[in-house]
Protein backbone atom coordinates (compact mmCIF):
# COMPACT_ATOMS: atom_id res chain seq x y z
CA UNK A 1 -13.98 72.26 27.22
CA UNK A 2 -15.22 71.88 30.59
CA UNK A 3 -13.00 72.24 33.61
CA UNK A 4 -11.71 69.21 35.78
CA UNK A 5 -11.72 70.04 39.51
CA UNK A 6 -9.29 67.67 41.57
CA UNK A 7 -10.25 66.68 44.81
CA UNK A 8 -8.45 69.20 47.10
CA UNK A 9 -10.33 71.83 44.72
CA UNK A 10 -13.70 70.41 45.37
CA UNK A 11 -13.00 70.29 49.15
CA UNK A 12 -12.45 74.05 49.58
CA UNK A 13 -15.29 74.90 47.58
CA UNK A 14 -18.56 76.75 49.38
CA UNK A 15 -21.58 75.15 49.45
CA UNK A 16 -22.91 77.77 46.86
CA UNK A 17 -20.30 77.14 44.60
CA UNK A 18 -21.04 73.34 44.82
CA UNK A 19 -24.59 73.96 43.98
CA UNK A 20 -23.55 75.92 40.71
CA UNK A 21 -21.22 73.16 39.55
CA UNK A 22 -23.94 70.57 40.07
CA UNK A 23 -26.67 72.81 38.29
CA UNK A 24 -24.27 73.23 35.32
CA UNK A 25 -23.46 69.43 35.42
CA UNK A 26 -27.00 68.66 35.22
CA UNK A 27 -27.65 70.93 31.98
CA UNK A 28 -24.99 69.56 30.50
CA UNK A 29 -26.06 65.85 30.87
CA UNK A 30 -29.76 66.77 29.84
CA UNK A 31 -28.09 68.26 26.64
CA UNK A 32 -26.05 64.97 26.02
CA UNK A 33 -29.12 63.09 26.30
CA UNK A 34 -30.81 65.08 23.85
CA UNK A 35 -28.47 64.49 21.66
CA UNK A 36 -27.95 61.12 22.11
CA UNK A 37 -31.65 60.53 21.51
CA UNK A 38 -31.15 62.35 18.08
CA UNK A 39 -28.25 60.65 16.98
CA UNK A 40 -30.02 57.32 17.72
CA UNK A 41 -32.70 58.42 15.53
CA UNK A 42 -30.69 59.48 12.51
CA UNK A 43 -28.73 56.30 12.79
CA UNK A 44 -31.81 54.23 12.64
CA UNK A 45 -33.29 56.16 9.97
CA UNK A 46 -30.20 55.80 7.95
CA UNK A 47 -30.09 52.04 8.18
CA UNK A 48 -33.53 51.74 7.48
CA UNK A 49 -32.91 53.81 4.37
CA UNK A 50 -30.05 51.96 3.21
CA UNK A 51 -30.88 48.24 4.45
CA UNK A 52 -34.29 48.22 5.37
CA UNK A 53 -37.65 47.41 3.44
CA UNK A 54 -40.06 50.32 2.25
CA UNK A 55 -42.78 48.65 4.35
CA UNK A 56 -40.69 48.33 7.39
CA UNK A 57 -41.28 50.64 10.55
CA UNK A 58 -38.79 51.80 13.20
CA UNK A 59 -39.61 52.89 16.54
CA UNK A 60 -37.52 54.55 18.99
CA UNK A 61 -38.38 54.31 22.87
CA UNK A 62 -36.41 56.59 25.69
CA UNK A 63 -33.73 56.85 23.46
CA UNK A 64 -33.48 53.37 22.57
CA UNK A 65 -34.44 51.20 19.22
CA UNK A 66 -37.47 49.08 19.72
CA UNK A 67 -35.80 45.63 18.69
CA UNK A 68 -38.64 43.71 19.24
CA UNK A 69 -40.83 46.13 16.78
CA UNK A 70 -38.26 46.03 14.05
CA UNK A 71 -37.71 41.93 13.98
CA UNK A 72 -41.64 41.23 14.07
CA UNK A 73 -41.95 41.93 10.62
CA UNK A 74 -45.12 40.29 10.23
CA UNK A 75 -46.75 42.36 12.75
CA UNK A 76 -45.46 45.64 11.66
CA UNK A 77 -46.46 44.81 8.20
CA UNK A 78 -50.35 44.49 9.13
CA UNK A 79 -50.22 47.25 12.08
CA UNK A 80 -52.86 49.43 11.85
CA UNK A 81 -52.30 53.06 13.08
CA UNK A 82 -54.89 54.88 15.47
CA UNK A 83 -55.32 58.50 15.64
CA UNK A 84 -56.98 59.37 19.25
CA UNK A 85 -59.46 62.49 18.39
CA UNK A 86 -60.26 65.16 20.97
CA UNK A 87 -62.70 64.28 23.92
CA UNK A 88 -66.34 65.61 22.59
CA UNK A 89 -65.97 65.71 19.10
CA UNK A 90 -67.49 62.99 16.86
CA UNK A 91 -65.20 62.96 13.91
CA UNK A 92 -66.33 60.22 11.38
CA UNK A 93 -63.87 59.21 8.64
CA UNK A 94 -64.81 59.68 5.25
CA UNK A 95 -66.54 57.24 3.58
CA UNK A 96 -64.69 56.39 0.36
CA UNK A 97 -67.12 55.73 -2.65
CA UNK A 98 -67.06 52.19 -4.49
CA UNK A 99 -66.09 52.15 -7.73
CA UNK A 100 -68.60 50.85 -10.01
CA UNK A 101 -67.66 48.27 -12.51
CA UNK A 102 -64.35 47.87 -11.05
CA UNK A 103 -65.13 43.90 -10.72
CA UNK A 104 -66.27 43.34 -13.92
CA UNK A 105 -62.88 45.07 -15.12
CA UNK A 106 -60.69 43.09 -13.11
CA UNK A 107 -62.64 39.85 -14.67
CA UNK A 108 -63.14 40.71 -18.32
CA UNK A 109 -60.04 38.49 -19.22
CA UNK A 110 -60.52 35.29 -17.53
CA UNK A 111 -62.96 32.63 -19.07
CA UNK A 112 -66.65 32.46 -17.58
CA UNK A 113 -68.16 28.95 -16.90
CA UNK A 114 -71.82 29.55 -15.84
CA UNK A 115 -73.37 27.36 -13.17
CA UNK A 116 -77.20 27.42 -13.03
CA UNK A 117 -79.00 27.32 -9.69
CA UNK A 118 -82.75 26.54 -10.43
CA UNK A 119 -85.51 25.30 -8.21
CA UNK A 120 -87.50 22.24 -9.52
CA UNK A 121 -90.97 22.24 -10.91
CA UNK A 122 -92.24 20.42 -7.66
CA UNK A 123 -90.95 23.20 -5.52
CA UNK A 124 -92.09 26.21 -7.64
CA UNK A 125 -95.80 24.47 -7.58
CA UNK A 126 -95.40 23.73 -4.06
CA UNK A 127 -94.84 27.59 -3.38
CA UNK A 128 -96.88 29.48 -6.00
CA UNK A 129 -99.39 26.69 -7.30
CA UNK A 130 -99.68 25.19 -10.66
CA UNK A 131 -98.38 27.82 -13.15
CA UNK A 132 -98.53 30.45 -11.19
CA UNK A 133 -95.01 32.07 -11.35
CA UNK A 134 -92.90 33.49 -14.06
CA UNK A 135 -89.33 33.84 -14.36
CA UNK A 136 -86.99 37.06 -13.47
CA UNK A 137 -83.93 38.11 -14.71
CA UNK A 138 -81.11 35.98 -12.74
CA UNK A 139 -79.14 37.57 -10.11
CA UNK A 140 -75.46 36.70 -10.86
CA UNK A 141 -72.60 36.33 -8.11
CA UNK A 142 -69.22 36.12 -9.67
CA UNK A 143 -66.35 34.24 -7.99
CA UNK A 144 -62.67 33.18 -8.84
CA UNK A 145 -61.96 29.49 -8.75
CA UNK A 146 -58.01 28.76 -8.92
CA UNK A 147 -56.83 24.98 -10.03
CA UNK A 148 -53.39 23.84 -9.05
CA UNK A 149 -51.09 23.16 -12.13
CA UNK A 150 -52.06 19.75 -13.62
CA UNK A 151 -48.66 17.86 -15.04
CA UNK A 152 -49.43 15.04 -17.47
CA UNK A 153 -46.98 12.46 -19.24
CA UNK A 154 -46.93 13.01 -22.97
CA UNK A 155 -46.27 9.39 -24.20
CA UNK A 156 -45.66 9.49 -27.98
CA UNK A 157 -46.26 6.14 -29.97
CA UNK A 158 -44.49 6.40 -33.14
CA UNK A 159 -45.97 3.98 -35.33
CA UNK A 160 -42.91 1.69 -37.17
CA UNK A 161 -43.81 -0.06 -40.68
CA UNK A 162 -41.70 -2.66 -42.65
CA UNK A 163 -41.97 -3.86 -46.05
CA UNK A 164 -43.36 -7.87 -46.04
CA UNK A 165 -39.50 -7.98 -47.77
CA UNK A 166 -37.78 -6.95 -44.25
CA UNK A 167 -35.89 -4.70 -46.33
CA UNK A 168 -37.03 -1.18 -45.76
CA UNK A 169 -38.48 0.12 -42.45
CA UNK A 170 -40.47 3.64 -42.07
CA UNK A 171 -41.19 5.50 -38.97
CA UNK A 172 -44.20 8.10 -38.66
CA UNK A 173 -43.45 11.63 -38.20
CA UNK A 174 -43.08 12.84 -34.54
CA UNK A 175 -42.41 16.48 -33.13
CA UNK A 176 -38.38 17.04 -32.55
CA UNK A 177 -37.28 16.93 -29.24
CA UNK A 178 -36.13 20.07 -27.07
CA UNK A 179 -33.23 18.25 -25.92
CA UNK A 180 -32.38 14.86 -27.13
CA UNK A 181 -33.01 12.22 -24.77
CA UNK A 182 -34.72 14.40 -22.23
CA UNK A 183 -38.09 14.70 -20.83
CA UNK A 184 -38.11 18.46 -20.97
CA UNK A 185 -40.75 19.88 -23.12
CA UNK A 186 -41.12 23.61 -23.98
CA UNK A 187 -44.08 24.18 -21.63
CA UNK A 188 -42.20 22.45 -18.93
CA UNK A 189 -38.96 24.36 -19.33
CA UNK A 190 -40.83 27.69 -19.67
CA UNK A 191 -42.35 27.15 -16.35
CA UNK A 192 -38.90 26.61 -14.93
CA UNK A 193 -37.83 29.83 -16.30
CA UNK A 194 -40.98 31.80 -15.10
CA UNK A 195 -40.52 30.39 -11.52
CA UNK A 196 -36.94 31.52 -11.49
CA UNK A 197 -36.33 34.59 -13.21
CA UNK A 198 -39.76 35.96 -13.07
CA UNK A 199 -40.83 34.95 -9.81
CA UNK A 200 -37.27 34.70 -8.08
CA UNK A 201 -37.48 31.07 -6.99
CA UNK A 202 -34.16 29.15 -6.61
CA UNK A 203 -34.00 25.78 -8.41
CA UNK A 204 -34.05 24.17 -5.09
CA UNK A 205 -37.42 25.39 -4.14
CA UNK A 206 -38.62 24.52 -7.63
CA UNK A 207 -37.34 21.22 -7.10
CA UNK A 208 -39.29 20.87 -4.07
CA UNK A 209 -42.55 22.25 -5.60
CA UNK A 210 -41.99 19.29 -8.56
CA UNK A 211 -41.52 16.76 -5.64
CA UNK A 212 -44.82 17.89 -3.76
CA UNK A 213 -46.44 17.04 -7.00
CA UNK A 214 -44.64 13.69 -7.58
CA UNK A 215 -42.51 14.82 -10.15
CA UNK A 216 -38.67 13.67 -9.51
CA UNK A 217 -36.41 16.18 -11.46
CA UNK A 218 -33.11 16.90 -9.51
CA UNK A 219 -31.51 19.90 -9.21
CA UNK A 220 -28.80 19.22 -11.45
CA UNK A 221 -31.09 18.51 -14.26
CA UNK A 222 -33.17 21.61 -13.81
CA UNK A 223 -29.73 23.59 -13.95
CA UNK A 224 -28.83 21.71 -16.98
CA UNK A 225 -32.04 21.99 -19.00
CA UNK A 226 -31.94 26.04 -18.11
CA UNK A 227 -28.09 26.31 -19.50
CA UNK A 228 -28.50 24.08 -22.46
CA UNK A 229 -31.89 25.76 -23.64
CA UNK A 230 -30.24 29.36 -22.83
CA UNK A 231 -27.23 28.39 -24.84
CA UNK A 232 -29.48 26.45 -27.70
CA UNK A 233 -32.32 28.74 -28.15
CA UNK A 234 -32.06 32.10 -26.10
CA UNK A 235 -28.55 32.53 -27.62
CA UNK A 236 -29.71 33.38 -30.88
CA UNK A 237 -31.90 36.43 -29.43
CA UNK A 238 -28.92 37.41 -27.30
CA UNK A 239 -26.65 37.85 -30.71
CA UNK A 240 -29.12 39.55 -32.70
CA UNK A 241 -29.88 42.21 -29.78
CA UNK A 242 -26.08 42.49 -29.02
CA UNK A 243 -25.82 43.24 -32.91
CA UNK A 244 -28.57 45.77 -32.70
CA UNK A 245 -27.32 47.36 -29.49
CA UNK A 246 -23.81 48.12 -31.15
CA UNK A 247 -25.54 50.05 -33.96
CA UNK A 248 -26.41 52.79 -31.37
CA UNK A 249 -24.32 55.83 -30.49
CA UNK A 250 -24.98 55.74 -26.97
CA UNK A 251 -25.25 52.64 -24.41
CA UNK A 252 -26.09 52.65 -20.81
CA UNK A 253 -24.63 49.70 -18.77
CA UNK A 254 -24.93 48.20 -15.14
CA UNK A 255 -22.36 45.94 -13.77
CA UNK A 256 -23.37 43.73 -11.19
CA UNK A 257 -20.47 41.24 -9.52
CA UNK A 258 -21.47 37.63 -9.37
CA UNK A 259 -19.98 34.13 -8.09
CA UNK A 260 -20.04 31.42 -10.98
CA UNK A 261 -18.21 28.08 -11.29
CA UNK A 262 -16.99 28.29 -15.29
CA UNK A 263 -14.26 27.95 -17.36
CA UNK A 264 -12.08 25.84 -14.82
CA UNK A 265 -11.71 28.52 -12.69
CA UNK A 266 -12.22 27.70 -8.80
CA UNK A 267 -15.81 27.43 -7.44
CA UNK A 268 -17.05 31.15 -6.30
CA UNK A 269 -14.85 32.84 -8.49
CA UNK A 270 -15.95 36.87 -9.15
CA UNK A 271 -17.34 37.40 -11.96
CA UNK A 272 -19.27 40.34 -13.49
CA UNK A 273 -22.74 40.60 -15.21
CA UNK A 274 -22.94 43.53 -17.57
CA UNK A 275 -26.62 44.71 -18.45
CA UNK A 276 -26.76 47.02 -21.60
CA UNK A 277 -29.58 49.21 -22.99
CA UNK A 278 -30.06 52.22 -24.97
CA UNK A 279 -31.85 55.60 -24.53
CA UNK A 280 -34.33 54.82 -27.21
């Protein structure tokens, strides 16, 4: 531990003794600054590993975190790092060899619509003269076209028949509804499940997306469809998988706390969601 001097003691020190004390304090201060810089870097790295995204970059300048760099995520993710080469040396980066056939492989599962582009007979005659040309193999360019989701209303018209004696009325067969007295269809509910559980979109965002397409379905209705279809149709699969899991000798489980409103409990009551799997 460093000795603490009183004012009287310092007043009786010689000039050489004061120089020695000052030099010693400078060394200690420099060591403290170095330790502080290392500590800041370790804290930044630990916080990034625990809370940050894998693509985030942290920067320490003069012993302090560059907060502008940390919070400007869009620029940080798109930043390109350049290495300054020594002067007088022309170092070219290795040229990456283009992979042949990659585009065809990427697009092989998509339907193809051929769009021909030809010259008219008049144009060809103007260029080559009468019958002065022959057609070579076409040049082919592939482009990917995206069509937004199309929403249509299925209007089921069920024919109704009555006997001339007005005693018997018969209706034509029609598909069974997914939910009674609901406009929900299997494709519509499947799109909601895909958006919420595959793409991670909350029901509020799904509702706004529908509104932009002039489809007015409230968040409460969306939630009811998700719950009712899960209980009515997915519950059968859940019971089957549960029965199969119980036949295994070893199970792996993951416990995640969630907040739900169910079974008469207060809002945001803490519950748990368990996910089970087998090693097979």
